[in-house]
Amino acid sequence: MTRVLIVDDHRLFRSGVRAELGDSIEVVGEAEDVETAVQAIAAHQPDVVLLDVHMPGGGGQEVLRRVLGSGSQVRFLALSVSDAAEDVIGVIRGGARGYVTKNISGKELTDAIRRVAEGDAVFSPRLAGFVLDAFASSEAPSIDPELDSLTQREREVLRLIARGYAYKEIAKELFISVKTVETHVSSVLRKLQLSNRHELSRWATARRLV
């Protein structure tokens, strides 16, 4: 039976994934941030790590850097609410074997885990063509100093702002408070030297983050 470790900063989501996988996949452990993920992977040596992209301590890319940088052969499958270009390309370049979004069914997730364990690359249908195009062409996201100045959470908030979400809707989507959303927006405006959410939307659209 394939052995998997779930890394996500929301306990209820981790419980939901465990329930969806049932007896078909052996869940050997859970982690809620970068530090506990690195420790749990070393302790349990799973076949596959289900990895959230955005979480405390540096996010999924930091977990990949630390674990794969140590010579570990564990395989990673990113499981995220985000379908943004920089997130997908970032974790795949970091060494993940696949990327699926959180609207995936339990049966599809079970199949994806098994395929990654066997060495296949797995992507949600909408992302597969995009990933191949990005790596095969010169249009892969390039280094952007302004974008790199933003934290993973600030990028998420920026993307939702650009999609027209209200602060309350963003708070609900990301499981954070409205006050925290406001703080992130203020930080993004300051870092990018913009004045309002309209300018934020144009900035994000120009970089194809929406």
N, C-alpha and C. Protein backbone atom coordinates (compact mmCIF):
# COMPACT_ATOMS: atom_id res chain seq x y z
N MET A 1 0.84 -1.20 0.00
CA MET A 1 0.00 0.00 0.00
C MET A 1 0.89 1.26 0.00
N THR A 2 0.51 2.23 -0.81
CA THR A 2 1.26 3.47 -0.90
C THR A 2 1.16 4.24 0.42
N ARG A 3 2.31 4.73 0.90
CA ARG A 3 2.37 5.47 2.16
C ARG A 3 2.49 6.96 1.86
N VAL A 4 1.61 7.75 2.48
CA VAL A 4 1.56 9.18 2.17
C VAL A 4 1.59 10.02 3.44
N LEU A 5 2.19 11.20 3.34
CA LEU A 5 2.19 12.16 4.44
C LEU A 5 1.51 13.43 3.95
N ILE A 6 0.59 13.97 4.74
CA ILE A 6 -0.20 15.15 4.35
C ILE A 6 0.38 16.40 4.99
N VAL A 7 0.73 17.38 4.16
CA VAL A 7 1.27 18.65 4.65
C VAL A 7 0.33 19.78 4.25
N ASP A 8 -0.34 20.36 5.24
CA ASP A 8 -1.28 21.46 5.00
C ASP A 8 -1.50 22.19 6.32
N ASP A 9 -1.62 23.51 6.27
CA ASP A 9 -1.73 24.26 7.52
C ASP A 9 -3.15 24.34 8.07
N HIS A 10 -4.09 23.66 7.44
CA HIS A 10 -5.47 23.63 7.96
C HIS A 10 -5.81 22.21 8.44
N ARG A 11 -5.99 22.08 9.74
CA ARG A 11 -6.25 20.76 10.34
C ARG A 11 -7.50 20.10 9.76
N LEU A 12 -8.56 20.88 9.56
CA LEU A 12 -9.80 20.31 9.04
C LEU A 12 -9.60 19.78 7.62
N PHE A 13 -8.80 20.48 6.84
CA PHE A 13 -8.53 19.99 5.49
C PHE A 13 -7.75 18.69 5.53
N ARG A 14 -6.75 18.62 6.40
CA ARG A 14 -5.97 17.38 6.53
C ARG A 14 -6.87 16.21 6.92
N SER A 15 -7.79 16.47 7.85
CA SER A 15 -8.73 15.42 8.27
C SER A 15 -9.62 14.99 7.12
N GLY A 16 -10.04 15.97 6.31
CA GLY A 16 -10.90 15.66 5.17
C GLY A 16 -10.18 14.81 4.14
N VAL A 17 -8.92 15.12 3.87
CA VAL A 17 -8.13 14.33 2.92
C VAL A 17 -7.96 12.91 3.44
N ARG A 18 -7.65 12.79 4.71
CA ARG A 18 -7.48 11.46 5.31
C ARG A 18 -8.75 10.63 5.15
N ALA A 19 -9.90 11.28 5.39
CA ALA A 19 -11.18 10.58 5.27
C ALA A 19 -11.46 10.17 3.83
N GLU A 20 -11.14 11.06 2.87
CA GLU A 20 -11.38 10.77 1.45
C GLU A 20 -10.52 9.60 0.97
N LEU A 21 -9.30 9.52 1.46
CA LEU A 21 -8.40 8.44 1.03
C LEU A 21 -8.80 7.10 1.60
N GLY A 22 -9.46 7.12 2.78
CA GLY A 22 -9.96 5.89 3.37
C GLY A 22 -8.88 4.86 3.60
N ASP A 23 -9.20 3.61 3.27
CA ASP A 23 -8.26 2.51 3.47
C ASP A 23 -7.40 2.22 2.25
N SER A 24 -7.60 3.00 1.18
CA SER A 24 -6.88 2.71 -0.06
C SER A 24 -5.44 3.22 -0.05
N ILE A 25 -5.17 4.20 0.82
CA ILE A 25 -3.84 4.78 0.96
C ILE A 25 -3.49 4.82 2.44
N GLU A 26 -2.26 4.46 2.80
CA GLU A 26 -1.86 4.52 4.21
C GLU A 26 -1.31 5.91 4.53
N VAL A 27 -2.03 6.65 5.38
CA VAL A 27 -1.55 7.97 5.81
C VAL A 27 -0.64 7.77 7.01
N VAL A 28 0.66 8.03 6.84
CA VAL A 28 1.62 7.76 7.90
C VAL A 28 1.87 8.94 8.81
N GLY A 29 1.39 10.12 8.42
CA GLY A 29 1.60 11.29 9.27
C GLY A 29 1.04 12.55 8.66
N GLU A 30 1.08 13.64 9.44
CA GLU A 30 0.62 14.94 9.00
C GLU A 30 1.59 16.01 9.48
N ALA A 31 1.57 17.17 8.81
CA ALA A 31 2.38 18.31 9.22
C ALA A 31 1.65 19.58 8.83
N GLU A 32 1.91 20.66 9.59
CA GLU A 32 1.15 21.89 9.38
C GLU A 32 1.99 23.08 8.91
N ASP A 33 3.31 22.93 8.89
CA ASP A 33 4.17 24.01 8.41
C ASP A 33 5.48 23.42 7.90
N VAL A 34 6.37 24.28 7.45
CA VAL A 34 7.62 23.80 6.85
C VAL A 34 8.43 22.95 7.83
N GLU A 35 8.61 23.46 9.04
CA GLU A 35 9.48 22.78 10.00
C GLU A 35 8.95 21.40 10.36
N THR A 36 7.64 21.32 10.67
CA THR A 36 7.08 20.01 11.05
C THR A 36 7.05 19.08 9.84
N ALA A 37 6.93 19.64 8.64
CA ALA A 37 6.93 18.81 7.43
C ALA A 37 8.29 18.16 7.23
N VAL A 38 9.35 18.94 7.34
CA VAL A 38 10.70 18.40 7.15
C VAL A 38 10.98 17.31 8.17
N GLN A 39 10.57 17.55 9.42
CA GLN A 39 10.79 16.56 10.48
C GLN A 39 9.98 15.29 10.24
N ALA A 40 8.71 15.46 9.86
CA ALA A 40 7.83 14.30 9.65
C ALA A 40 8.28 13.45 8.46
N ILE A 41 8.74 14.10 7.40
CA ILE A 41 9.21 13.37 6.23
C ILE A 41 10.43 12.53 6.59
N ALA A 42 11.34 13.11 7.36
CA ALA A 42 12.54 12.39 7.79
C ALA A 42 12.19 11.22 8.69
N ALA A 43 11.18 11.41 9.54
CA ALA A 43 10.81 10.38 10.51
C ALA A 43 10.04 9.23 9.86
N HIS A 44 9.14 9.55 8.92
CA HIS A 44 8.23 8.53 8.37
C HIS A 44 8.67 7.97 7.02
N GLN A 45 9.49 8.72 6.29
CA GLN A 45 9.95 8.27 4.96
C GLN A 45 8.78 7.79 4.09
N PRO A 46 7.80 8.65 3.82
CA PRO A 46 6.64 8.23 3.00
C PRO A 46 7.02 8.03 1.54
N ASP A 47 6.16 7.35 0.81
CA ASP A 47 6.36 7.21 -0.63
C ASP A 47 6.06 8.54 -1.34
N VAL A 48 4.98 9.18 -0.86
CA VAL A 48 4.53 10.44 -1.47
C VAL A 48 4.17 11.44 -0.39
N VAL A 49 4.51 12.71 -0.62
CA VAL A 49 4.10 13.79 0.27
C VAL A 49 3.07 14.64 -0.46
N LEU A 50 1.88 14.77 0.13
CA LEU A 50 0.86 15.68 -0.40
C LEU A 50 1.21 17.05 0.16
N LEU A 51 1.58 17.98 -0.69
CA LEU A 51 2.19 19.23 -0.24
C LEU A 51 1.36 20.46 -0.60
N ASP A 52 0.96 21.22 0.43
CA ASP A 52 0.28 22.49 0.19
C ASP A 52 1.32 23.51 -0.27
N VAL A 53 0.92 24.46 -1.09
CA VAL A 53 1.86 25.43 -1.63
C VAL A 53 2.09 26.59 -0.66
N HIS A 54 1.01 27.06 -0.02
CA HIS A 54 1.11 28.21 0.87
C HIS A 54 0.88 27.79 2.32
N MET A 55 1.87 28.00 3.16
CA MET A 55 1.76 27.69 4.58
C MET A 55 2.90 28.36 5.33
N PRO A 56 2.82 28.42 6.65
CA PRO A 56 3.83 29.13 7.44
C PRO A 56 5.23 28.54 7.29
N GLY A 57 6.21 29.42 7.30
CA GLY A 57 7.60 28.98 7.31
C GLY A 57 8.29 28.96 5.96
N GLY A 58 7.59 29.43 4.91
CA GLY A 58 8.24 29.47 3.60
C GLY A 58 7.48 28.75 2.50
N GLY A 59 6.44 27.99 2.85
CA GLY A 59 5.62 27.35 1.83
C GLY A 59 6.20 26.06 1.27
N GLY A 60 5.48 25.49 0.30
CA GLY A 60 5.86 24.22 -0.27
C GLY A 60 7.24 24.23 -0.92
N GLN A 61 7.61 25.34 -1.53
CA GLN A 61 8.92 25.40 -2.19
C GLN A 61 10.06 25.25 -1.20
N GLU A 62 9.88 25.77 0.01
CA GLU A 62 10.92 25.64 1.03
C GLU A 62 11.04 24.19 1.50
N VAL A 63 9.91 23.50 1.62
CA VAL A 63 9.94 22.08 1.98
C VAL A 63 10.70 21.29 0.91
N LEU A 64 10.39 21.55 -0.34
CA LEU A 64 11.07 20.88 -1.45
C LEU A 64 12.58 21.13 -1.41
N ARG A 65 12.94 22.38 -1.20
CA ARG A 65 14.36 22.74 -1.18
C ARG A 65 15.11 22.00 -0.07
N ARG A 66 14.52 21.96 1.10
CA ARG A 66 15.20 21.35 2.23
C ARG A 66 15.23 19.83 2.16
N VAL A 67 14.14 19.23 1.73
CA VAL A 67 14.06 17.77 1.70
C VAL A 67 14.84 17.20 0.52
N LEU A 68 14.57 17.70 -0.68
CA LEU A 68 15.26 17.16 -1.85
C LEU A 68 16.73 17.58 -1.87
N GLY A 69 17.01 18.72 -1.25
CA GLY A 69 18.40 19.17 -1.17
C GLY A 69 19.25 18.28 -0.28
N SER A 70 18.58 17.52 0.58
CA SER A 70 19.31 16.61 1.47
C SER A 70 19.57 15.26 0.83
N GLY A 71 19.06 15.09 -0.39
CA GLY A 71 19.28 13.83 -1.11
C GLY A 71 18.14 12.84 -0.99
N SER A 72 17.03 13.25 -0.36
CA SER A 72 15.89 12.35 -0.19
C SER A 72 15.27 12.00 -1.55
N GLN A 73 14.76 10.77 -1.66
CA GLN A 73 14.13 10.30 -2.89
C GLN A 73 12.61 10.33 -2.82
N VAL A 74 12.06 10.92 -1.75
CA VAL A 74 10.60 10.97 -1.60
C VAL A 74 10.00 11.77 -2.75
N ARG A 75 8.80 11.40 -3.18
CA ARG A 75 8.14 12.10 -4.27
C ARG A 75 7.06 13.04 -3.71
N PHE A 76 6.90 14.18 -4.35
CA PHE A 76 5.97 15.20 -3.89
C PHE A 76 4.85 15.43 -4.90
N LEU A 77 3.63 15.53 -4.39
CA LEU A 77 2.47 15.91 -5.19
C LEU A 77 1.87 17.16 -4.56
N ALA A 78 1.93 18.29 -5.26
CA ALA A 78 1.37 19.53 -4.72
C ALA A 78 -0.16 19.46 -4.78
N LEU A 79 -0.79 19.87 -3.68
CA LEU A 79 -2.25 19.89 -3.59
C LEU A 79 -2.63 21.25 -3.05
N SER A 80 -3.18 22.11 -3.92
CA SER A 80 -3.38 23.51 -3.53
C SER A 80 -4.67 24.08 -4.09
N VAL A 81 -5.16 25.13 -3.43
CA VAL A 81 -6.32 25.87 -3.94
C VAL A 81 -5.89 26.77 -5.09
N SER A 82 -4.59 27.06 -5.17
CA SER A 82 -4.08 27.99 -6.17
C SER A 82 -3.83 27.31 -7.51
N ASP A 83 -4.20 28.02 -8.59
CA ASP A 83 -3.86 27.54 -9.93
C ASP A 83 -3.06 28.61 -10.68
N ALA A 84 -2.37 29.45 -9.90
CA ALA A 84 -1.61 30.55 -10.49
C ALA A 84 -0.31 30.06 -11.10
N ALA A 85 0.12 30.72 -12.16
CA ALA A 85 1.31 30.31 -12.90
C ALA A 85 2.55 30.20 -12.02
N GLU A 86 2.79 31.24 -11.20
CA GLU A 86 4.04 31.23 -10.43
C GLU A 86 4.06 30.13 -9.38
N ASP A 87 2.88 29.75 -8.87
CA ASP A 87 2.81 28.66 -7.89
C ASP A 87 3.09 27.31 -8.54
N VAL A 88 2.41 27.06 -9.65
CA VAL A 88 2.57 25.78 -10.35
C VAL A 88 4.02 25.60 -10.82
N ILE A 89 4.52 26.57 -11.55
CA ILE A 89 5.87 26.48 -12.09
C ILE A 89 6.90 26.43 -10.97
N GLY A 90 6.66 27.19 -9.90
CA GLY A 90 7.61 27.22 -8.79
C GLY A 90 7.83 25.86 -8.15
N VAL A 91 6.74 25.16 -7.83
CA VAL A 91 6.91 23.87 -7.15
C VAL A 91 7.37 22.77 -8.10
N ILE A 92 7.00 22.86 -9.37
CA ILE A 92 7.48 21.86 -10.33
C ILE A 92 8.98 22.04 -10.55
N ARG A 93 9.42 23.27 -10.67
CA ARG A 93 10.86 23.52 -10.79
C ARG A 93 11.58 23.10 -9.51
N GLY A 94 10.85 23.18 -8.40
CA GLY A 94 11.45 22.80 -7.12
C GLY A 94 11.59 21.30 -6.94
N GLY A 95 10.91 20.53 -7.80
CA GLY A 95 11.07 19.08 -7.74
C GLY A 95 9.82 18.27 -7.53
N ALA A 96 8.65 18.93 -7.41
CA ALA A 96 7.40 18.17 -7.25
C ALA A 96 7.10 17.39 -8.53
N ARG A 97 6.48 16.21 -8.38
CA ARG A 97 6.16 15.36 -9.53
C ARG A 97 4.80 15.64 -10.12
N GLY A 98 4.02 16.49 -9.45
CA GLY A 98 2.70 16.80 -9.97
C GLY A 98 2.05 17.93 -9.20
N TYR A 99 0.91 18.39 -9.71
CA TYR A 99 0.20 19.52 -9.09
C TYR A 99 -1.29 19.35 -9.37
N VAL A 100 -2.07 19.20 -8.32
CA VAL A 100 -3.52 19.10 -8.48
C VAL A 100 -4.19 20.12 -7.57
N THR A 101 -5.37 20.57 -7.96
CA THR A 101 -6.09 21.56 -7.17
C THR A 101 -7.05 20.88 -6.19
N LYS A 102 -7.46 21.64 -5.17
CA LYS A 102 -8.21 21.06 -4.07
C LYS A 102 -9.67 20.72 -4.39
N ASN A 103 -10.10 20.97 -5.62
CA ASN A 103 -11.45 20.53 -6.00
C ASN A 103 -11.44 19.11 -6.58
N ILE A 104 -10.31 18.44 -6.48
CA ILE A 104 -10.17 17.07 -6.97
C ILE A 104 -10.99 16.12 -6.11
N SER A 105 -11.52 15.07 -6.71
CA SER A 105 -12.32 14.09 -5.95
C SER A 105 -11.40 13.13 -5.20
N GLY A 106 -11.95 12.44 -4.22
CA GLY A 106 -11.17 11.48 -3.46
C GLY A 106 -10.60 10.38 -4.33
N LYS A 107 -11.40 9.91 -5.27
CA LYS A 107 -10.95 8.84 -6.17
C LYS A 107 -9.82 9.33 -7.07
N GLU A 108 -9.96 10.55 -7.59
CA GLU A 108 -8.93 11.11 -8.46
C GLU A 108 -7.64 11.35 -7.68
N LEU A 109 -7.77 11.79 -6.43
CA LEU A 109 -6.59 12.03 -5.62
C LEU A 109 -5.85 10.73 -5.31
N THR A 110 -6.61 9.70 -4.99
CA THR A 110 -6.02 8.38 -4.73
C THR A 110 -5.23 7.90 -5.94
N ASP A 111 -5.83 8.06 -7.12
CA ASP A 111 -5.17 7.65 -8.35
C ASP A 111 -3.90 8.48 -8.60
N ALA A 112 -4.00 9.80 -8.35
CA ALA A 112 -2.86 10.69 -8.56
C ALA A 112 -1.69 10.31 -7.64
N ILE A 113 -2.00 9.99 -6.38
CA ILE A 113 -0.96 9.60 -5.42
C ILE A 113 -0.26 8.33 -5.89
N ARG A 114 -1.03 7.35 -6.32
CA ARG A 114 -0.44 6.08 -6.78
C ARG A 114 0.43 6.29 -8.01
N ARG A 115 -0.02 7.12 -8.91
CA ARG A 115 0.75 7.36 -10.13
C ARG A 115 2.07 8.08 -9.83
N VAL A 116 2.02 9.06 -8.92
CA VAL A 116 3.24 9.76 -8.53
C VAL A 116 4.20 8.79 -7.84
N ALA A 117 3.66 7.91 -7.01
CA ALA A 117 4.50 6.92 -6.32
C ALA A 117 5.21 6.02 -7.33
N GLU A 118 4.56 5.79 -8.47
CA GLU A 118 5.14 4.93 -9.51
C GLU A 118 6.08 5.68 -10.44
N GLY A 119 6.18 7.01 -10.23
CA GLY A 119 7.11 7.79 -11.04
C GLY A 119 6.50 8.65 -12.12
N ASP A 120 5.17 8.62 -12.23
CA ASP A 120 4.51 9.44 -13.25
C ASP A 120 4.43 10.90 -12.80
N ALA A 121 4.23 11.79 -13.76
CA ALA A 121 3.95 13.19 -13.48
C ALA A 121 2.44 13.38 -13.63
N VAL A 122 1.82 14.02 -12.65
CA VAL A 122 0.36 14.15 -12.63
C VAL A 122 -0.06 15.60 -12.44
N PHE A 123 -1.01 16.05 -13.28
CA PHE A 123 -1.51 17.42 -13.17
C PHE A 123 -3.02 17.43 -13.34
N SER A 124 -3.68 18.40 -12.70
CA SER A 124 -5.09 18.60 -12.95
C SER A 124 -5.25 18.91 -14.44
N PRO A 125 -6.34 18.43 -15.06
CA PRO A 125 -6.51 18.59 -16.50
C PRO A 125 -6.26 20.01 -17.02
N ARG A 126 -6.75 21.01 -16.31
CA ARG A 126 -6.62 22.39 -16.77
C ARG A 126 -5.18 22.88 -16.73
N LEU A 127 -4.36 22.25 -15.89
CA LEU A 127 -2.99 22.71 -15.70
C LEU A 127 -1.98 22.00 -16.60
N ALA A 128 -2.33 20.81 -17.06
CA ALA A 128 -1.36 19.98 -17.79
C ALA A 128 -0.79 20.68 -19.02
N GLY A 129 -1.67 21.17 -19.90
CA GLY A 129 -1.20 21.84 -21.11
C GLY A 129 -0.42 23.09 -20.79
N PHE A 130 -0.90 23.82 -19.80
CA PHE A 130 -0.22 25.06 -19.39
C PHE A 130 1.20 24.79 -18.92
N VAL A 131 1.38 23.74 -18.12
CA VAL A 131 2.71 23.41 -17.60
C VAL A 131 3.64 23.01 -18.74
N LEU A 132 3.17 22.18 -19.64
CA LEU A 132 3.99 21.76 -20.78
C LEU A 132 4.40 22.95 -21.64
N ASP A 133 3.45 23.84 -21.90
CA ASP A 133 3.73 25.02 -22.72
C ASP A 133 4.77 25.91 -22.04
N ALA A 134 4.63 26.06 -20.71
CA ALA A 134 5.53 26.95 -19.98
C ALA A 134 6.96 26.46 -20.03
N PHE A 135 7.15 25.14 -19.94
CA PHE A 135 8.50 24.60 -19.94
C PHE A 135 9.07 24.43 -21.35
N ALA A 136 8.17 24.38 -22.34
CA ALA A 136 8.64 24.14 -23.70
C ALA A 136 8.88 25.43 -24.49
N SER A 137 8.43 26.55 -23.93
CA SER A 137 8.55 27.81 -24.66
C SER A 137 9.35 28.84 -23.89
N SER A 138 9.56 29.94 -24.52
CA SER A 138 10.30 31.03 -23.87
C SER A 138 9.38 31.88 -23.02
N GLU A 139 8.10 31.47 -22.92
CA GLU A 139 7.16 32.27 -22.18
C GLU A 139 7.00 31.80 -20.74
N ALA A 140 7.87 30.94 -20.29
CA ALA A 140 7.83 30.53 -18.89
C ALA A 140 8.04 31.76 -18.02
N PRO A 141 7.35 31.86 -16.89
CA PRO A 141 7.48 33.03 -16.04
C PRO A 141 8.94 33.33 -15.70
N SER A 142 9.34 34.55 -15.98
CA SER A 142 10.72 34.94 -15.70
C SER A 142 10.82 35.54 -14.31
N ILE A 143 12.05 35.77 -13.88
CA ILE A 143 12.26 36.34 -12.56
C ILE A 143 11.76 37.78 -12.55
N ASP A 144 10.94 38.13 -11.60
CA ASP A 144 10.36 39.45 -11.47
C ASP A 144 10.66 39.95 -10.06
N PRO A 145 11.60 40.89 -9.92
CA PRO A 145 11.99 41.38 -8.59
C PRO A 145 10.82 41.89 -7.76
N GLU A 146 9.87 42.59 -8.41
CA GLU A 146 8.73 43.11 -7.68
C GLU A 146 7.85 41.97 -7.15
N LEU A 147 7.59 40.98 -8.01
CA LEU A 147 6.78 39.84 -7.60
C LEU A 147 7.50 39.05 -6.51
N ASP A 148 8.80 38.89 -6.66
CA ASP A 148 9.58 38.13 -5.67
C ASP A 148 9.61 38.81 -4.32
N SER A 149 9.31 40.11 -4.27
CA SER A 149 9.31 40.83 -3.00
C SER A 149 8.08 40.51 -2.16
N LEU A 150 7.06 39.91 -2.80
CA LEU A 150 5.81 39.58 -2.10
C LEU A 150 5.90 38.19 -1.47
N THR A 151 5.26 38.04 -0.33
CA THR A 151 5.18 36.72 0.30
C THR A 151 4.16 35.89 -0.46
N GLN A 152 4.16 34.57 -0.19
CA GLN A 152 3.19 33.68 -0.84
C GLN A 152 1.77 34.13 -0.54
N ARG A 153 1.49 34.50 0.70
CA ARG A 153 0.12 34.91 1.07
C ARG A 153 -0.25 36.23 0.40
N GLU A 154 0.69 37.15 0.30
CA GLU A 154 0.42 38.42 -0.37
C GLU A 154 0.09 38.20 -1.84
N ARG A 155 0.74 37.22 -2.46
CA ARG A 155 0.44 36.91 -3.86
C ARG A 155 -0.97 36.35 -4.00
N GLU A 156 -1.37 35.52 -3.06
CA GLU A 156 -2.72 34.97 -3.09
C GLU A 156 -3.75 36.07 -2.99
N VAL A 157 -3.55 36.97 -2.02
CA VAL A 157 -4.48 38.09 -1.83
C VAL A 157 -4.52 38.96 -3.07
N LEU A 158 -3.35 39.26 -3.63
CA LEU A 158 -3.26 40.07 -4.85
C LEU A 158 -4.06 39.45 -5.98
N ARG A 159 -3.89 38.15 -6.17
CA ARG A 159 -4.58 37.47 -7.26
C ARG A 159 -6.11 37.54 -7.10
N LEU A 160 -6.59 37.39 -5.88
CA LEU A 160 -8.04 37.44 -5.63
C LEU A 160 -8.57 38.86 -5.78
N ILE A 161 -7.78 39.84 -5.36
CA ILE A 161 -8.15 41.24 -5.55
C ILE A 161 -8.33 41.51 -7.04
N ALA A 162 -7.37 41.02 -7.83
CA ALA A 162 -7.41 41.24 -9.28
C ALA A 162 -8.60 40.55 -9.93
N ARG A 163 -9.08 39.49 -9.30
CA ARG A 163 -10.25 38.78 -9.82
C ARG A 163 -11.56 39.43 -9.39
N GLY A 164 -11.47 40.51 -8.61
CA GLY A 164 -12.66 41.25 -8.22
C GLY A 164 -13.28 40.83 -6.90
N TYR A 165 -12.59 40.00 -6.11
CA TYR A 165 -13.11 39.57 -4.82
C TYR A 165 -13.15 40.73 -3.84
N ALA A 166 -14.20 40.77 -3.02
CA ALA A 166 -14.28 41.73 -1.92
C ALA A 166 -13.42 41.20 -0.77
N TYR A 167 -13.07 42.08 0.17
CA TYR A 167 -12.23 41.67 1.29
C TYR A 167 -12.85 40.51 2.06
N LYS A 168 -14.16 40.54 2.28
CA LYS A 168 -14.83 39.46 3.02
C LYS A 168 -14.73 38.14 2.26
N GLU A 169 -14.84 38.21 0.94
CA GLU A 169 -14.75 37.00 0.12
C GLU A 169 -13.34 36.43 0.15
N ILE A 170 -12.34 37.32 0.14
CA ILE A 170 -10.95 36.87 0.22
C ILE A 170 -10.69 36.19 1.56
N ALA A 171 -11.20 36.81 2.62
CA ALA A 171 -11.02 36.25 3.97
C ALA A 171 -11.60 34.84 4.05
N LYS A 172 -12.78 34.66 3.46
CA LYS A 172 -13.44 33.35 3.48
C LYS A 172 -12.66 32.34 2.65
N GLU A 173 -12.17 32.76 1.50
CA GLU A 173 -11.45 31.88 0.58
C GLU A 173 -10.13 31.39 1.19
N LEU A 174 -9.45 32.28 1.92
CA LEU A 174 -8.12 31.95 2.45
C LEU A 174 -8.14 31.58 3.92
N PHE A 175 -9.32 31.55 4.52
CA PHE A 175 -9.45 31.19 5.93
C PHE A 175 -8.67 32.14 6.84
N ILE A 176 -8.76 33.44 6.55
CA ILE A 176 -8.12 34.45 7.38
C ILE A 176 -9.14 35.54 7.69
N SER A 177 -8.80 36.46 8.58
CA SER A 177 -9.73 37.53 8.95
C SER A 177 -9.70 38.67 7.94
N VAL A 178 -10.76 39.48 7.92
CA VAL A 178 -10.80 40.64 7.04
C VAL A 178 -9.67 41.59 7.39
N LYS A 179 -9.39 41.73 8.68
CA LYS A 179 -8.30 42.61 9.12
C LYS A 179 -6.97 42.14 8.55
N THR A 180 -6.75 40.83 8.52
CA THR A 180 -5.51 40.30 7.95
C THR A 180 -5.44 40.57 6.45
N VAL A 181 -6.57 40.46 5.77
CA VAL A 181 -6.62 40.78 4.33
C VAL A 181 -6.20 42.23 4.11
N GLU A 182 -6.76 43.13 4.93
CA GLU A 182 -6.43 44.55 4.80
C GLU A 182 -4.94 44.79 5.02
N THR A 183 -4.38 44.09 5.99
CA THR A 183 -2.95 44.22 6.27
C THR A 183 -2.11 43.78 5.07
N HIS A 184 -2.50 42.64 4.47
CA HIS A 184 -1.78 42.13 3.30
C HIS A 184 -1.88 43.11 2.12
N VAL A 185 -3.08 43.65 1.90
CA VAL A 185 -3.28 44.59 0.79
C VAL A 185 -2.41 45.84 0.99
N SER A 186 -2.37 46.35 2.21
CA SER A 186 -1.55 47.53 2.51
C SER A 186 -0.07 47.24 2.24
N SER A 187 0.35 46.05 2.63
CA SER A 187 1.74 45.65 2.42
C SER A 187 2.07 45.54 0.94
N VAL A 188 1.16 44.95 0.16
CA VAL A 188 1.37 44.81 -1.28
C VAL A 188 1.43 46.18 -1.95
N LEU A 189 0.51 47.08 -1.59
CA LEU A 189 0.50 48.42 -2.17
C LEU A 189 1.82 49.14 -1.88
N ARG A 190 2.32 48.97 -0.65
CA ARG A 190 3.57 49.63 -0.26
C ARG A 190 4.76 49.06 -1.05
N LYS A 191 4.84 47.74 -1.12
CA LYS A 191 5.97 47.11 -1.81
C LYS A 191 5.98 47.41 -3.31
N LEU A 192 4.80 47.48 -3.91
CA LEU A 192 4.72 47.70 -5.36
C LEU A 192 4.60 49.18 -5.70
N GLN A 193 4.51 50.02 -4.67
CA GLN A 193 4.37 51.46 -4.83
C GLN A 193 3.15 51.82 -5.69
N LEU A 194 2.03 51.18 -5.34
CA LEU A 194 0.76 51.45 -6.00
C LEU A 194 -0.18 52.14 -5.02
N SER A 195 -1.27 52.70 -5.55
CA SER A 195 -2.14 53.52 -4.70
C SER A 195 -3.47 52.87 -4.32
N ASN A 196 -4.00 51.98 -5.15
CA ASN A 196 -5.33 51.43 -4.89
C ASN A 196 -5.50 50.06 -5.54
N ARG A 197 -6.64 49.44 -5.28
CA ARG A 197 -6.85 48.08 -5.79
C ARG A 197 -7.02 48.05 -7.30
N HIS A 198 -7.46 49.16 -7.89
CA HIS A 198 -7.56 49.21 -9.35
C HIS A 198 -6.17 49.08 -9.98
N GLU A 199 -5.19 49.79 -9.41
CA GLU A 199 -3.82 49.69 -9.91
C GLU A 199 -3.25 48.29 -9.65
N LEU A 200 -3.63 47.69 -8.52
CA LEU A 200 -3.21 46.33 -8.22
C LEU A 200 -3.72 45.36 -9.28
N SER A 201 -4.97 45.52 -9.66
CA SER A 201 -5.58 44.64 -10.66
C SER A 201 -4.86 44.75 -12.00
N ARG A 202 -4.55 45.97 -12.40
CA ARG A 202 -3.84 46.18 -13.67
C ARG A 202 -2.45 45.58 -13.61
N TRP A 203 -1.78 45.74 -12.47
CA TRP A 203 -0.42 45.19 -12.30
C TRP A 203 -0.44 43.68 -12.41
N ALA A 204 -1.41 43.05 -11.73
CA ALA A 204 -1.52 41.58 -11.75
C ALA A 204 -1.90 41.06 -13.13
N THR A 205 -2.80 41.76 -13.80
CA THR A 205 -3.24 41.35 -15.14
C THR A 205 -2.08 41.43 -16.14
N ALA A 206 -1.27 42.47 -16.01
CA ALA A 206 -0.13 42.62 -16.91
C ALA A 206 0.87 41.48 -16.77
N ARG A 207 0.90 40.87 -15.59
CA ARG A 207 1.82 39.76 -15.34
C ARG A 207 1.12 38.40 -15.43
N ARG A 208 -0.08 38.40 -15.94
CA ARG A 208 -0.87 37.17 -16.13
C ARG A 208 -1.00 36.36 -14.84
N LEU A 209 -1.25 37.06 -13.72
CA LEU A 209 -1.43 36.37 -12.44
C LEU A 209 -2.89 36.06 -12.15
N VAL A 210 -3.78 36.62 -12.96
CA VAL A 210 -5.22 36.46 -12.68
C VAL A 210 -5.73 35.13 -13.19
